[in-house]
Amino acid sequence: MQQGCRLCPRRCGADRAHGQLGVCRAPASPTLARAAAHFGEEPCISGTRGSGAVFFSGCSLGCVFCQNAAISRGEAGRTVSVPELRRIFERLCAQGVHNLNLVTPTHYAGVIAQALRMGPLPVPVVWNSSGYERVETLRALEGLVQVWMPDYKYALPELAGRCSGAPDYPETARAALREMYRQAGPFKLDENGLLCRGVLVRHLVLPGQVENSLLALEQLAGTLPPKHILLSLMAQYTPMPGSAAIPGLSRTVTQAEFDQVLLHMERLGFENGFYQDPSAAGEEMIPDFDLTGV
């Protein structure tokens, strides 16, 4: 029997049950930084009453430009038991949110599955991740997640290596996207325009990396049927302290860069989804990780 954690593609083998921290910098029990109605997602997720966002601490990808670095490095949050996690889920649902939005959940997939198996919830469950997933981990969640909301960050292995230490990201994420689509099928909106099932893929345009974005859209179109998924093209890149080490990432995305990517998206047949204006950049998009609701 294999020992240690192998939930994410890092397969670092950390003995988290005995206090060892792996690449994700997270203990075995779920650690949360915030659990509250969130209105910063796409309209089909946030709706009018908000998305029930549960922000988990730690991250298995660790991008240098992460806007949620306050929690993704595993340095903030409160650890809860599985029954406590389930009660948090139920409390959010009782507040009237449109869905249960699990943000950066991969390194807690096992315990999250335990909490979800305690009984059906009255709203769709959203798996909001970096896209850097093991297919085996996703298969263990089959039937528990209705909406998959992954990123597809990198088409270029070299860029993925520099920014996230994961040159295997493109092929690994595409395999994960195929598994998500296998489970969810074509996207479905309810009568209020809210996503109740399907795959919504996000791509963040990075400054000076138009080539990466154009190729990412081409790879995505070759991996999933463009007309059967939602695509969110994001322009909110905001320079963070860690991004200064990568040339070109110390500024926001220009309108010309974003327009070039947006035009390519339309050429490739992505008809359903959303896009931001570059004016969306800024730290006001970052939630307060103040243990609200935890």
Protein backbone atom coordinates (compact mmCIF):
# COMPACT_ATOMS: atom_id res chain seq x y z
CA MET A 1 0.00 0.00 0.00
CA GLN A 2 1.37 3.42 -0.94
CA GLN A 3 2.12 5.71 1.96
CA GLY A 4 1.74 9.48 2.10
CA CYS A 5 -0.33 11.95 0.14
CA ARG A 6 -0.80 11.51 -3.59
CA LEU A 7 -3.99 13.49 -4.09
CA CYS A 8 -2.49 16.01 -6.51
CA PRO A 9 -0.13 15.58 -9.47
CA ARG A 10 2.86 16.41 -7.25
CA ARG A 11 2.41 13.05 -5.47
CA CYS A 12 4.86 14.30 -2.86
CA GLY A 13 4.13 11.48 -0.41
CA ALA A 14 3.90 13.73 2.66
CA ASP A 15 2.60 11.98 5.76
CA ARG A 16 0.03 14.65 6.49
CA ALA A 17 -1.80 12.49 9.04
CA HIS A 18 1.27 12.78 11.28
CA GLY A 19 1.91 16.48 10.80
CA GLN A 20 4.18 16.44 7.76
CA LEU A 21 3.41 19.23 5.28
CA GLY A 22 3.83 18.57 1.58
CA VAL A 23 3.95 20.90 -1.40
CA CYS A 24 0.49 22.24 -0.54
CA ARG A 25 1.64 23.32 2.94
CA ALA A 26 -1.59 21.92 4.38
CA PRO A 27 -2.31 19.51 7.25
CA ALA A 28 -4.54 16.47 6.83
CA SER A 29 -7.64 18.12 8.34
CA PRO A 30 -9.36 20.84 6.33
CA THR A 31 -8.17 24.36 7.08
CA LEU A 32 -10.50 27.20 6.06
CA ALA A 33 -9.90 30.94 5.78
CA ARG A 34 -13.43 32.04 4.89
CA ALA A 35 -16.89 30.56 4.29
CA ALA A 36 -19.47 33.11 3.17
CA ALA A 37 -21.64 34.33 0.32
CA HIS A 38 -19.35 35.57 -2.44
CA PHE A 39 -20.35 37.85 -5.32
CA GLY A 40 -17.10 37.97 -7.28
CA GLU A 41 -17.66 34.94 -9.51
CA GLU A 42 -19.19 34.76 -12.98
CA PRO A 43 -22.89 35.78 -13.12
CA CYS A 44 -24.05 32.19 -13.56
CA ILE A 45 -22.27 31.29 -10.30
CA SER A 46 -22.81 34.38 -8.11
CA GLY A 47 -26.37 35.10 -9.23
CA THR A 48 -28.27 37.52 -7.00
CA ARG A 49 -27.77 35.79 -3.63
CA GLY A 50 -24.12 34.91 -3.96
CA SER A 51 -22.07 31.76 -4.19
CA GLY A 52 -21.39 29.89 -0.96
CA ALA A 53 -17.60 30.12 -1.20
CA VAL A 54 -15.47 27.99 1.11
CA PHE A 55 -11.86 29.12 0.82
CA PHE A 56 -9.40 26.36 1.77
CA SER A 57 -5.87 27.20 2.89
CA GLY A 58 -2.89 25.78 1.05
CA CYS A 59 -2.43 24.99 -2.65
CA SER A 60 -0.74 22.26 -4.62
CA LEU A 61 0.17 24.52 -7.58
CA GLY A 62 1.62 27.64 -5.97
CA CYS A 63 1.70 30.23 -8.77
CA VAL A 64 4.13 33.09 -8.14
CA PHE A 65 1.41 35.60 -9.10
CA CYS A 66 -1.33 34.16 -6.88
CA GLN A 67 -3.78 36.81 -5.68
CA ASN A 68 -4.79 34.60 -2.75
CA ALA A 69 -1.23 34.15 -1.52
CA ALA A 70 -2.37 35.05 2.00
CA ILE A 71 -3.97 31.62 2.22
CA SER A 72 -2.49 29.61 -0.65
CA ARG A 73 0.85 29.36 1.16
CA GLY A 74 -0.96 27.67 4.05
CA GLU A 75 -0.20 30.48 6.47
CA ALA A 76 -3.76 31.38 7.51
CA GLY A 77 -7.00 29.68 8.40
CA ARG A 78 -8.65 27.52 11.04
CA THR A 79 -8.58 23.73 11.04
CA VAL A 80 -11.96 22.01 11.38
CA SER A 81 -13.17 18.44 11.66
CA VAL A 82 -15.14 16.71 8.91
CA PRO A 83 -18.44 17.08 10.85
CA GLU A 84 -17.67 20.78 11.35
CA LEU A 85 -16.99 21.13 7.63
CA ARG A 86 -20.33 19.52 6.87
CA ARG A 87 -22.09 21.94 9.24
CA ILE A 88 -20.42 24.87 7.46
CA PHE A 89 -21.72 23.53 4.15
CA GLU A 90 -25.24 23.24 5.54
CA ARG A 91 -25.12 26.69 7.17
CA LEU A 92 -24.16 28.31 3.87
CA CYS A 93 -26.99 26.53 2.06
CA ALA A 94 -29.44 27.72 4.74
CA GLN A 95 -28.34 31.30 4.06
CA GLY A 96 -29.79 31.00 0.55
CA VAL A 97 -26.65 30.88 -1.59
CA HIS A 98 -27.03 29.51 -5.11
CA ASN A 99 -24.31 26.86 -4.81
CA LEU A 100 -21.55 25.49 -2.61
CA ASN A 101 -18.29 26.79 -4.07
CA LEU A 102 -15.20 24.84 -2.93
CA VAL A 103 -12.20 27.09 -3.64
CA THR A 104 -8.76 25.42 -4.01
CA PRO A 105 -10.05 22.10 -2.66
CA THR A 106 -7.75 19.55 -4.31
CA HIS A 107 -5.46 18.81 -1.37
CA TYR A 108 -8.54 18.13 0.80
CA ALA A 109 -10.40 16.01 -1.74
CA GLY A 110 -10.66 13.00 0.56
CA VAL A 111 -12.12 14.78 3.57
CA ILE A 112 -14.37 16.94 1.38
CA ALA A 113 -15.78 13.76 -0.15
CA GLN A 114 -16.51 12.46 3.35
CA ALA A 115 -18.43 15.63 4.19
CA LEU A 116 -20.39 15.57 0.93
CA ARG A 117 -21.34 11.90 1.39
CA MET A 118 -23.15 12.72 4.65
CA GLY A 119 -26.23 13.48 2.58
CA PRO A 120 -27.47 15.46 -0.42
CA LEU A 121 -27.28 19.25 -0.37
CA PRO A 122 -30.04 21.48 -1.80
CA VAL A 123 -27.68 23.35 -4.15
CA PRO A 124 -25.07 22.33 -6.76
CA VAL A 125 -21.52 21.70 -5.58
CA VAL A 126 -18.85 23.67 -7.48
CA TRP A 127 -15.25 22.42 -7.66
CA ASN A 128 -13.23 25.63 -8.12
CA SER A 129 -9.62 24.63 -8.81
CA SER A 130 -6.40 25.41 -10.64
CA GLY A 131 -7.05 22.57 -13.09
CA TYR A 132 -3.88 20.83 -11.88
CA GLU A 133 -5.58 17.60 -10.85
CA ARG A 134 -5.03 13.85 -10.91
CA VAL A 135 -7.70 12.01 -12.86
CA GLU A 136 -7.78 9.35 -10.14
CA THR A 137 -8.66 11.97 -7.52
CA LEU A 138 -11.45 13.38 -9.69
CA ARG A 139 -12.92 9.94 -10.29
CA ALA A 140 -13.24 9.44 -6.54
CA LEU A 141 -15.54 12.51 -6.50
CA GLU A 142 -17.94 11.23 -9.17
CA GLY A 143 -21.54 11.95 -8.24
CA LEU A 144 -20.57 14.48 -5.57
CA VAL A 145 -19.77 17.48 -7.80
CA GLN A 146 -22.21 18.99 -10.29
CA VAL A 147 -20.21 21.98 -11.57
CA TRP A 148 -16.51 21.88 -12.41
CA MET A 149 -14.84 25.29 -12.53
CA PRO A 150 -11.15 24.73 -13.33
CA ASP A 151 -8.52 27.09 -14.62
CA TYR A 152 -6.58 26.31 -17.75
CA LYS A 153 -3.57 28.51 -17.04
CA TYR A 154 -0.74 27.37 -19.25
CA ALA A 155 -0.28 25.93 -22.70
CA LEU A 156 3.50 26.35 -22.59
CA PRO A 157 5.37 23.90 -20.30
CA GLU A 158 8.26 26.32 -19.90
CA LEU A 159 5.98 29.08 -18.62
CA ALA A 160 4.22 26.63 -16.30
CA GLY A 161 7.60 25.63 -14.94
CA ARG A 162 8.73 29.19 -14.33
CA CYS A 163 5.50 30.41 -12.76
CA SER A 164 4.28 27.31 -10.92
CA GLY A 165 7.10 24.77 -10.92
CA ALA A 166 4.85 22.45 -12.93
CA PRO A 167 6.07 21.96 -16.51
CA ASP A 168 3.64 19.03 -16.75
CA TYR A 169 0.68 21.38 -16.24
CA PRO A 170 -0.66 21.49 -19.85
CA GLU A 171 -0.99 17.74 -20.36
CA THR A 172 -2.05 17.10 -16.76
CA ALA A 173 -4.76 19.76 -16.81
CA ARG A 174 -6.13 18.63 -20.18
CA ALA A 175 -6.53 15.10 -18.85
CA ALA A 176 -8.34 16.53 -15.83
CA LEU A 177 -10.63 18.63 -18.05
CA ARG A 178 -11.60 15.56 -20.06
CA GLU A 179 -12.51 13.72 -16.85
CA MET A 180 -14.56 16.66 -15.56
CA TYR A 181 -16.49 16.82 -18.82
CA ARG A 182 -17.02 13.05 -18.77
CA GLN A 183 -18.69 13.38 -15.39
CA ALA A 184 -20.72 16.55 -15.98
CA GLY A 185 -21.49 16.56 -19.70
CA PRO A 186 -22.67 19.68 -21.59
CA PHE A 187 -23.38 22.70 -19.42
CA LYS A 188 -26.91 23.31 -18.20
CA LEU A 189 -28.38 26.57 -16.92
CA ASP A 190 -31.56 26.71 -14.86
CA GLU A 191 -34.51 29.00 -15.50
CA ASN A 192 -32.68 31.84 -13.73
CA GLY A 193 -29.50 31.52 -15.80
CA LEU A 194 -27.55 29.83 -13.02
CA LEU A 195 -25.16 27.01 -13.84
CA CYS A 196 -26.51 23.82 -12.33
CA ARG A 197 -24.31 21.32 -14.15
CA GLY A 198 -21.33 21.32 -16.50
CA VAL A 199 -17.83 22.71 -16.93
CA LEU A 200 -16.81 26.36 -16.76
CA VAL A 201 -13.15 26.84 -17.69
CA ARG A 202 -11.28 30.00 -16.69
CA HIS A 203 -8.21 31.37 -18.43
CA LEU A 204 -6.27 34.30 -16.99
CA VAL A 205 -4.42 36.33 -19.61
CA LEU A 206 -0.91 37.13 -18.37
CA PRO A 207 0.96 40.29 -19.39
CA GLY A 208 3.42 39.69 -22.20
CA GLN A 209 2.19 36.12 -22.66
CA VAL A 210 -0.31 36.41 -25.51
CA GLU A 211 1.28 33.39 -27.20
CA ASN A 212 0.46 31.28 -24.15
CA SER A 213 -3.16 32.45 -24.17
CA LEU A 214 -3.70 31.87 -27.89
CA LEU A 215 -2.29 28.38 -27.68
CA ALA A 216 -4.22 27.65 -24.48
CA LEU A 217 -7.50 28.45 -26.24
CA GLU A 218 -6.52 26.24 -29.18
CA GLN A 219 -5.65 23.37 -26.85
CA LEU A 220 -8.88 23.84 -24.94
CA ALA A 221 -10.90 23.78 -28.16
CA GLY A 222 -9.17 20.52 -29.07
CA THR A 223 -9.86 18.98 -25.67
CA LEU A 224 -13.51 19.87 -24.98
CA PRO A 225 -16.36 20.76 -27.37
CA PRO A 226 -16.43 24.60 -27.39
CA LYS A 227 -20.21 24.77 -27.71
CA HIS A 228 -20.80 22.50 -24.71
CA ILE A 229 -18.72 24.29 -22.10
CA LEU A 230 -18.59 27.80 -20.66
CA LEU A 231 -15.37 29.78 -21.01
CA SER A 232 -14.39 32.71 -18.82
CA LEU A 233 -11.59 34.87 -20.22
CA MET A 234 -10.08 36.85 -17.38
CA ALA A 235 -8.15 40.14 -17.45
CA GLN A 236 -7.87 40.73 -13.70
CA TYR A 237 -4.15 39.89 -13.43
CA THR A 238 -2.68 42.04 -10.66
CA PRO A 239 1.06 42.06 -9.92
CA MET A 240 1.84 40.41 -6.59
CA PRO A 241 5.15 40.52 -4.67
CA GLY A 242 6.15 37.05 -5.83
CA SER A 243 5.63 37.84 -9.50
CA ALA A 244 8.52 40.32 -9.58
CA ALA A 245 10.94 37.42 -10.10
CA ILE A 246 9.42 36.67 -13.52
CA PRO A 247 10.24 39.21 -16.27
CA GLY A 248 7.17 40.92 -17.63
CA LEU A 249 4.78 40.02 -14.81
CA SER A 250 5.20 43.28 -12.91
CA ARG A 251 2.43 45.05 -14.87
CA THR A 252 -1.22 44.50 -15.73
CA VAL A 253 -2.54 43.25 -19.07
CA THR A 254 -3.02 45.86 -21.80
CA GLN A 255 -6.25 46.30 -23.71
CA ALA A 256 -4.45 45.38 -26.95
CA GLU A 257 -3.19 42.11 -25.48
CA PHE A 258 -6.60 41.17 -24.17
CA ASP A 259 -8.39 42.09 -27.40
CA GLN A 260 -6.06 39.82 -29.36
CA VAL A 261 -6.94 36.88 -27.13
CA LEU A 262 -10.64 37.71 -27.14
CA LEU A 263 -10.73 37.74 -30.94
CA HIS A 264 -9.04 34.35 -31.06
CA MET A 265 -11.59 32.96 -28.61
CA GLU A 266 -14.38 34.01 -30.95
CA ARG A 267 -12.61 32.54 -33.99
CA LEU A 268 -12.34 29.18 -32.25
CA GLY A 269 -16.10 28.95 -31.73
CA PHE A 270 -16.41 29.62 -28.00
CA GLU A 271 -19.92 31.05 -27.98
CA ASN A 272 -20.89 30.66 -24.34
CA GLY A 273 -19.23 32.37 -21.44
CA PHE A 274 -17.82 35.58 -20.10
CA TYR A 275 -14.93 37.98 -20.39
CA GLN A 276 -13.58 40.80 -18.25
CA ASP A 277 -12.36 44.26 -19.04
CA PRO A 278 -8.69 44.89 -18.15
CA SER A 279 -9.93 47.51 -15.70
CA ALA A 280 -10.91 44.55 -13.48
CA ALA A 281 -7.31 44.34 -12.28
CA GLY A 282 -6.78 45.43 -8.70
CA GLU A 283 -6.57 44.10 -5.18
CA GLU A 284 -10.21 44.94 -4.50
CA MET A 285 -11.01 41.60 -6.17
CA ILE A 286 -9.30 39.76 -3.29
CA PRO A 287 -11.65 38.63 -0.48
CA ASP A 288 -10.92 39.27 3.19
CA PHE A 289 -9.55 36.03 4.61
CA ASP A 290 -10.66 36.87 8.12
CA LEU A 291 -12.21 33.54 9.16
CA THR A 292 -15.73 34.78 8.42
CA GLY A 293 -18.11 31.82 8.70
CA VAL A 294 -15.45 29.39 9.93
